[in-house]
Amino acid sequence: RIRGSLLEALLAFFILLLFSFAMSW
């Protein structure tokens, strides 16, 4: 479950996709 705020969850997904983009390179 996501127990943090919506803003924190969106930041988490942003960090995850930023890491994904970096690993793609």
PDB file of all heavy atoms in Angstrom:
ATOM      1  N   ARG A   1       0.837  -1.189   0.000  1.00  0.00           N
ATOM      2  CA  ARG A   1       0.000   0.000   0.000  1.00  0.00           C
ATOM      3  C   ARG A   1       0.881   1.251   0.000  1.00  0.00           C
ATOM      4  O   ARG A   1       1.978   1.251   0.556  1.00  0.00           O
ATOM      5  CB  ARG A   1      -0.924   0.040   1.235  1.00  0.00           C
ATOM      6  CG  ARG A   1      -1.937  -1.088   1.297  1.00  0.00           C
ATOM      7  CD  ARG A   1      -2.972  -0.976   0.190  1.00  0.00           C
ATOM      8  NE  ARG A   1      -3.989  -2.008   0.287  1.00  0.00           N
ATOM      9  CZ  ARG A   1      -3.918  -3.201  -0.309  1.00  0.00           C
ATOM     10  NH1 ARG A   1      -2.841  -3.505  -1.020  1.00  0.00           N
ATOM     11  NH2 ARG A   1      -4.892  -4.071  -0.193  1.00  0.00           N
ATOM     12  N   ILE A   2       0.386   2.312  -0.636  1.00  0.00           N
ATOM     13  CA  ILE A   2       1.032   3.618  -0.581  1.00  0.00           C
ATOM     14  C   ILE A   2       0.468   4.351   0.629  1.00  0.00           C
ATOM     15  O   ILE A   2      -0.707   4.708   0.643  1.00  0.00           O
ATOM     16  CB  ILE A   2       0.799   4.418  -1.872  1.00  0.00           C
ATOM     17  CG1 ILE A   2       1.432   3.698  -3.064  1.00  0.00           C
ATOM     18  CG2 ILE A   2       1.357   5.824  -1.737  1.00  0.00           C
ATOM     19  CD1 ILE A   2       1.166   4.373  -4.399  1.00  0.00           C
ATOM     20  N   ARG A   3       1.298   4.561   1.637  1.00  0.00           N
ATOM     21  CA  ARG A   3       0.830   5.161   2.888  1.00  0.00           C
ATOM     22  C   ARG A   3       1.279   6.614   3.038  1.00  0.00           C
ATOM     23  O   ARG A   3       0.937   7.254   4.025  1.00  0.00           O
ATOM     24  CB  ARG A   3       1.326   4.324   4.066  1.00  0.00           C
ATOM     25  CG  ARG A   3       0.899   2.855   3.951  1.00  0.00           C
ATOM     26  CD  ARG A   3       1.222   2.048   5.178  1.00  0.00           C
ATOM     27  NE  ARG A   3       0.937   0.636   4.965  1.00  0.00           N
ATOM     28  CZ  ARG A   3      -0.272   0.081   5.011  1.00  0.00           C
ATOM     29  NH1 ARG A   3      -1.315   0.843   5.270  1.00  0.00           N
ATOM     30  NH2 ARG A   3      -0.438  -1.212   4.797  1.00  0.00           N
ATOM     31  N   GLY A   4       2.046   7.108   2.076  1.00  0.00           N
ATOM     32  CA  GLY A   4       2.441   8.504   2.097  1.00  0.00           C
ATOM     33  C   GLY A   4       1.425   9.371   1.369  1.00  0.00           C
ATOM     34  O   GLY A   4       0.362   8.909   0.953  1.00  0.00           O
ATOM     35  N   SER A   5       1.775  10.624   1.169  1.00  0.00           N
ATOM     36  CA  SER A   5       0.882  11.552   0.472  1.00  0.00           C
ATOM     37  C   SER A   5       0.950  11.332  -1.036  1.00  0.00           C
ATOM     38  O   SER A   5       1.854  10.658  -1.552  1.00  0.00           O
ATOM     39  CB  SER A   5       1.269  12.991   0.806  1.00  0.00           C
ATOM     40  OG  SER A   5       2.545  13.300   0.244  1.00  0.00           O
ATOM     41  N   LEU A   6       0.001  11.913  -1.741  1.00  0.00           N
ATOM     42  CA  LEU A   6      -0.026  11.806  -3.203  1.00  0.00           C
ATOM     43  C   LEU A   6       1.225  12.434  -3.811  1.00  0.00           C
ATOM     44  O   LEU A   6       1.823  11.877  -4.744  1.00  0.00           O
ATOM     45  CB  LEU A   6      -1.283  12.488  -3.751  1.00  0.00           C
ATOM     46  CG  LEU A   6      -1.407  12.550  -5.283  1.00  0.00           C
ATOM     47  CD1 LEU A   6      -1.429  11.156  -5.885  1.00  0.00           C
ATOM     48  CD2 LEU A   6      -2.647  13.349  -5.683  1.00  0.00           C
ATOM     49  N   LEU A   7       1.637  13.587  -3.289  1.00  0.00           N
ATOM     50  CA  LEU A   7       2.824  14.268  -3.812  1.00  0.00           C
ATOM     51  C   LEU A   7       4.069  13.405  -3.622  1.00  0.00           C
ATOM     52  O   LEU A   7       4.919  13.307  -4.520  1.00  0.00           O
ATOM     53  CB  LEU A   7       2.995  15.618  -3.116  1.00  0.00           C
ATOM     54  CG  LEU A   7       4.141  16.493  -3.637  1.00  0.00           C
ATOM     55  CD1 LEU A   7       3.932  16.817  -5.119  1.00  0.00           C
ATOM     56  CD2 LEU A   7       4.244  17.776  -2.815  1.00  0.00           C
ATOM     57  N   GLU A   8       4.184  12.777  -2.464  1.00  0.00           N
ATOM     58  CA  GLU A   8       5.332  11.898  -2.203  1.00  0.00           C
ATOM     59  C   GLU A   8       5.312  10.691  -3.129  1.00  0.00           C
ATOM     60  O   GLU A   8       6.359  10.260  -3.629  1.00  0.00           O
ATOM     61  CB  GLU A   8       5.322  11.451  -0.737  1.00  0.00           C
ATOM     62  CG  GLU A   8       5.681  12.554   0.246  1.00  0.00           C
ATOM     63  CD  GLU A   8       5.515  12.123   1.680  1.00  0.00           C
ATOM     64  OE1 GLU A   8       4.608  11.292   1.950  1.00  0.00           O
ATOM     65  OE2 GLU A   8       6.277  12.605   2.535  1.00  0.00           O
ATOM     66  N   ALA A   9       4.135  10.141  -3.381  1.00  0.00           N
ATOM     67  CA  ALA A   9       4.027   8.996  -4.290  1.00  0.00           C
ATOM     68  C   ALA A   9       4.425   9.381  -5.712  1.00  0.00           C
ATOM     69  O   ALA A   9       5.134   8.634  -6.399  1.00  0.00           O
ATOM     70  CB  ALA A   9       2.611   8.441  -4.271  1.00  0.00           C
ATOM     71  N   LEU A  10       3.996  10.559  -6.156  1.00  0.00           N
ATOM     72  CA  LEU A  10       4.367  11.015  -7.498  1.00  0.00           C
ATOM     73  C   LEU A  10       5.870  11.243  -7.594  1.00  0.00           C
ATOM     74  O   LEU A  10       6.492  10.919  -8.623  1.00  0.00           O
ATOM     75  CB  LEU A  10       3.610  12.300  -7.833  1.00  0.00           C
ATOM     76  CG  LEU A  10       2.093  12.158  -8.033  1.00  0.00           C
ATOM     77  CD1 LEU A  10       1.458  13.526  -8.261  1.00  0.00           C
ATOM     78  CD2 LEU A  10       1.777  11.224  -9.197  1.00  0.00           C
ATOM     79  N   LEU A  11       6.468  11.772  -6.544  1.00  0.00           N
ATOM     80  CA  LEU A  11       7.917  11.960  -6.526  1.00  0.00           C
ATOM     81  C   LEU A  11       8.625  10.612  -6.588  1.00  0.00           C
ATOM     82  O   LEU A  11       9.647  10.470  -7.272  1.00  0.00           O
ATOM     83  CB  LEU A  11       8.337  12.730  -5.278  1.00  0.00           C
ATOM     84  CG  LEU A  11       9.850  12.953  -5.086  1.00  0.00           C
ATOM     85  CD1 LEU A  11      10.439  13.695  -6.278  1.00  0.00           C
ATOM     86  CD2 LEU A  11      10.117  13.690  -3.774  1.00  0.00           C
ATOM     87  N   ALA A  12       8.077   9.628  -5.891  1.00  0.00           N
ATOM     88  CA  ALA A  12       8.674   8.290  -5.914  1.00  0.00           C
ATOM     89  C   ALA A  12       8.653   7.707  -7.319  1.00  0.00           C
ATOM     90  O   ALA A  12       9.652   7.157  -7.793  1.00  0.00           O
ATOM     91  CB  ALA A  12       7.924   7.371  -4.944  1.00  0.00           C
ATOM     92  N   PHE A  13       7.522   7.830  -8.017  1.00  0.00           N
ATOM     93  CA  PHE A  13       7.446   7.305  -9.381  1.00  0.00           C
ATOM     94  C   PHE A  13       8.371   8.090 -10.319  1.00  0.00           C
ATOM     95  O   PHE A  13       8.958   7.506 -11.245  1.00  0.00           O
ATOM     96  CB  PHE A  13       6.004   7.343  -9.877  1.00  0.00           C
ATOM     97  CG  PHE A  13       5.136   6.269  -9.299  1.00  0.00           C
ATOM     98  CD1 PHE A  13       4.038   6.583  -8.512  1.00  0.00           C
ATOM     99  CD2 PHE A  13       5.411   4.930  -9.542  1.00  0.00           C
ATOM    100  CE1 PHE A  13       3.229   5.591  -7.977  1.00  0.00           C
ATOM    101  CE2 PHE A  13       4.611   3.926  -9.009  1.00  0.00           C
ATOM    102  CZ  PHE A  13       3.529   4.254  -8.224  1.00  0.00           C
ATOM    103  N   PHE A  14       8.510   9.389 -10.081  1.00  0.00           N
ATOM    104  CA  PHE A  14       9.435  10.175 -10.895  1.00  0.00           C
ATOM    105  C   PHE A  14      10.874   9.688 -10.703  1.00  0.00           C
ATOM    106  O   PHE A  14      11.618   9.522 -11.675  1.00  0.00           O
ATOM    107  CB  PHE A  14       9.332  11.657 -10.518  1.00  0.00           C
ATOM    108  CG  PHE A  14      10.435  12.499 -11.112  1.00  0.00           C
ATOM    109  CD1 PHE A  14      10.393  12.885 -12.444  1.00  0.00           C
ATOM    110  CD2 PHE A  14      11.527  12.891 -10.327  1.00  0.00           C
ATOM    111  CE1 PHE A  14      11.418  13.651 -12.997  1.00  0.00           C
ATOM    112  CE2 PHE A  14      12.557  13.652 -10.869  1.00  0.00           C
ATOM    113  CZ  PHE A  14      12.498  14.037 -12.212  1.00  0.00           C
ATOM    114  N   ILE A  15      11.284   9.452  -9.454  1.00  0.00           N
ATOM    115  CA  ILE A  15      12.635   8.953  -9.178  1.00  0.00           C
ATOM    116  C   ILE A  15      12.841   7.595  -9.833  1.00  0.00           C
ATOM    117  O   ILE A  15      13.904   7.319 -10.418  1.00  0.00           O
ATOM    118  CB  ILE A  15      12.863   8.868  -7.655  1.00  0.00           C
ATOM    119  CG1 ILE A  15      12.919  10.274  -7.049  1.00  0.00           C
ATOM    120  CG2 ILE A  15      14.120   8.081  -7.328  1.00  0.00           C
ATOM    121  CD1 ILE A  15      12.980  10.292  -5.536  1.00  0.00           C
ATOM    122  N   LEU A  16      11.834   6.745  -9.773  1.00  0.00           N
ATOM    123  CA  LEU A  16      11.936   5.415 -10.366  1.00  0.00           C
ATOM    124  C   LEU A  16      12.134   5.506 -11.877  1.00  0.00           C
ATOM    125  O   LEU A  16      12.987   4.813 -12.452  1.00  0.00           O
ATOM    126  CB  LEU A  16      10.676   4.612 -10.039  1.00  0.00           C
ATOM    127  CG  LEU A  16      10.615   3.176 -10.561  1.00  0.00           C
ATOM    128  CD1 LEU A  16      11.743   2.339  -9.975  1.00  0.00           C
ATOM    129  CD2 LEU A  16       9.260   2.555 -10.228  1.00  0.00           C
ATOM    130  N   LEU A  17      11.368   6.366 -12.542  1.00  0.00           N
ATOM    131  CA  LEU A  17      11.485   6.488 -13.999  1.00  0.00           C
ATOM    132  C   LEU A  17      12.776   7.210 -14.399  1.00  0.00           C
ATOM    133  O   LEU A  17      13.346   6.908 -15.452  1.00  0.00           O
ATOM    134  CB  LEU A  17      10.259   7.202 -14.557  1.00  0.00           C
ATOM    135  CG  LEU A  17       8.940   6.442 -14.394  1.00  0.00           C
ATOM    136  CD1 LEU A  17       7.768   7.255 -14.919  1.00  0.00           C
ATOM    137  CD2 LEU A  17       9.000   5.082 -15.103  1.00  0.00           C
ATOM    138  N   LEU A  18      13.232   8.143 -13.576  1.00  0.00           N
ATOM    139  CA  LEU A  18      14.525   8.781 -13.837  1.00  0.00           C
ATOM    140  C   LEU A  18      15.638   7.745 -13.757  1.00  0.00           C
ATOM    141  O   LEU A  18      16.539   7.724 -14.615  1.00  0.00           O
ATOM    142  CB  LEU A  18      14.768   9.899 -12.827  1.00  0.00           C
ATOM    143  CG  LEU A  18      16.126  10.611 -12.920  1.00  0.00           C
ATOM    144  CD1 LEU A  18      16.267  11.342 -14.251  1.00  0.00           C
ATOM    145  CD2 LEU A  18      16.304  11.588 -11.751  1.00  0.00           C
ATOM    146  N   PHE A  19      15.574   6.880 -12.771  1.00  0.00           N
ATOM    147  CA  PHE A  19      16.560   5.807 -12.649  1.00  0.00           C
ATOM    148  C   PHE A  19      16.472   4.855 -13.838  1.00  0.00           C
ATOM    149  O   PHE A  19      17.499   4.416 -14.369  1.00  0.00           O
ATOM    150  CB  PHE A  19      16.336   5.043 -11.337  1.00  0.00           C
ATOM    151  CG  PHE A  19      17.312   3.921 -11.111  1.00  0.00           C
ATOM    152  CD1 PHE A  19      18.631   4.198 -10.765  1.00  0.00           C
ATOM    153  CD2 PHE A  19      16.917   2.608 -11.239  1.00  0.00           C
ATOM    154  CE1 PHE A  19      19.539   3.170 -10.553  1.00  0.00           C
ATOM    155  CE2 PHE A  19      17.809   1.575 -11.027  1.00  0.00           C
ATOM    156  CZ  PHE A  19      19.128   1.855 -10.675  1.00  0.00           C
ATOM    157  N   SER A  20      15.257   4.558 -14.282  1.00  0.00           N
ATOM    158  CA  SER A  20      15.063   3.698 -15.456  1.00  0.00           C
ATOM    159  C   SER A  20      15.707   4.315 -16.692  1.00  0.00           C
ATOM    160  O   SER A  20      16.384   3.625 -17.476  1.00  0.00           O
ATOM    161  CB  SER A  20      13.569   3.475 -15.697  1.00  0.00           C
ATOM    162  OG  SER A  20      13.348   2.776 -16.902  1.00  0.00           O
ATOM    163  N   PHE A  21      15.502   5.620 -16.888  1.00  0.00           N
ATOM    164  CA  PHE A  21      16.078   6.308 -18.045  1.00  0.00           C
ATOM    165  C   PHE A  21      17.600   6.283 -17.989  1.00  0.00           C
ATOM    166  O   PHE A  21      18.276   6.072 -19.009  1.00  0.00           O
ATOM    167  CB  PHE A  21      15.564   7.745 -18.080  1.00  0.00           C
ATOM    168  CG  PHE A  21      15.909   8.497 -19.332  1.00  0.00           C
ATOM    169  CD1 PHE A  21      15.434   8.094 -20.565  1.00  0.00           C
ATOM    170  CD2 PHE A  21      16.719   9.627 -19.275  1.00  0.00           C
ATOM    171  CE1 PHE A  21      15.752   8.796 -21.726  1.00  0.00           C
ATOM    172  CE2 PHE A  21      17.042  10.335 -20.427  1.00  0.00           C
ATOM    173  CZ  PHE A  21      16.560   9.914 -21.659  1.00  0.00           C
ATOM    174  N   ALA A  22      18.151   6.483 -16.789  1.00  0.00           N
ATOM    175  CA  ALA A  22      19.607   6.439 -16.637  1.00  0.00           C
ATOM    176  C   ALA A  22      20.155   5.056 -16.957  1.00  0.00           C
ATOM    177  O   ALA A  22      21.174   4.913 -17.652  1.00  0.00           O
ATOM    178  CB  ALA A  22      19.990   6.851 -15.210  1.00  0.00           C
ATOM    179  N   MET A  23      19.475   4.017 -16.486  1.00  0.00           N
ATOM    180  CA  MET A  23      19.934   2.653 -16.747  1.00  0.00           C
ATOM    181  C   MET A  23      19.833   2.312 -18.227  1.00  0.00           C
ATOM    182  O   MET A  23      20.622   1.514 -18.751  1.00  0.00           O
ATOM    183  CB  MET A  23      19.118   1.666 -15.911  1.00  0.00           C
ATOM    184  CG  MET A  23      19.328   1.794 -14.417  1.00  0.00           C
ATOM    185  SD  MET A  23      21.033   1.472 -13.901  1.00  0.00           S
ATOM    186  CE  MET A  23      21.135  -0.277 -14.219  1.00  0.00           C
ATOM    187  N   SER A  24      18.879   2.906 -18.932  1.00  0.00           N
ATOM    188  CA  SER A  24      18.764   2.676 -20.371  1.00  0.00           C
ATOM    189  C   SER A  24      20.000   3.161 -21.114  1.00  0.00           C
ATOM    190  O   SER A  24      20.428   2.546 -22.097  1.00  0.00           O
ATOM    191  CB  SER A  24      17.513   3.363 -20.932  1.00  0.00           C
ATOM    192  OG  SER A  24      16.339   2.763 -20.461  1.00  0.00           O
ATOM    193  N   TRP A  25      20.591   4.249 -20.635  1.00  0.00           N
ATOM    194  CA  TRP A  25      21.800   4.758 -21.287  1.00  0.00           C
ATOM    195  C   TRP A  25      22.997   3.868 -20.999  1.00  0.00           C
ATOM    196  O   TRP A  25      23.906   3.739 -21.826  1.00  0.00           O
ATOM    197  CB  TRP A  25      22.054   6.200 -20.879  1.00  0.00           C
ATOM    198  CG  TRP A  25      21.161   7.138 -21.627  1.00  0.00           C
ATOM    199  CD1 TRP A  25      19.952   7.637 -21.219  1.00  0.00           C
ATOM    200  CD2 TRP A  25      21.375   7.654 -22.943  1.00  0.00           C
ATOM    201  NE1 TRP A  25      19.409   8.429 -22.189  1.00  0.00           N
ATOM    202  CE2 TRP A  25      20.265   8.468 -23.266  1.00  0.00           C
ATOM    203  CE3 TRP A  25      22.395   7.516 -23.882  1.00  0.00           C
ATOM    204  CZ2 TRP A  25      20.150   9.131 -24.483  1.00  0.00           C
ATOM    205  CZ3 TRP A  25      22.289   8.175 -25.100  1.00  0.00           C
ATOM    206  CH2 TRP A  25      21.176   8.975 -25.387  1.00  0.00           C
TER     207      TRP A  25
END
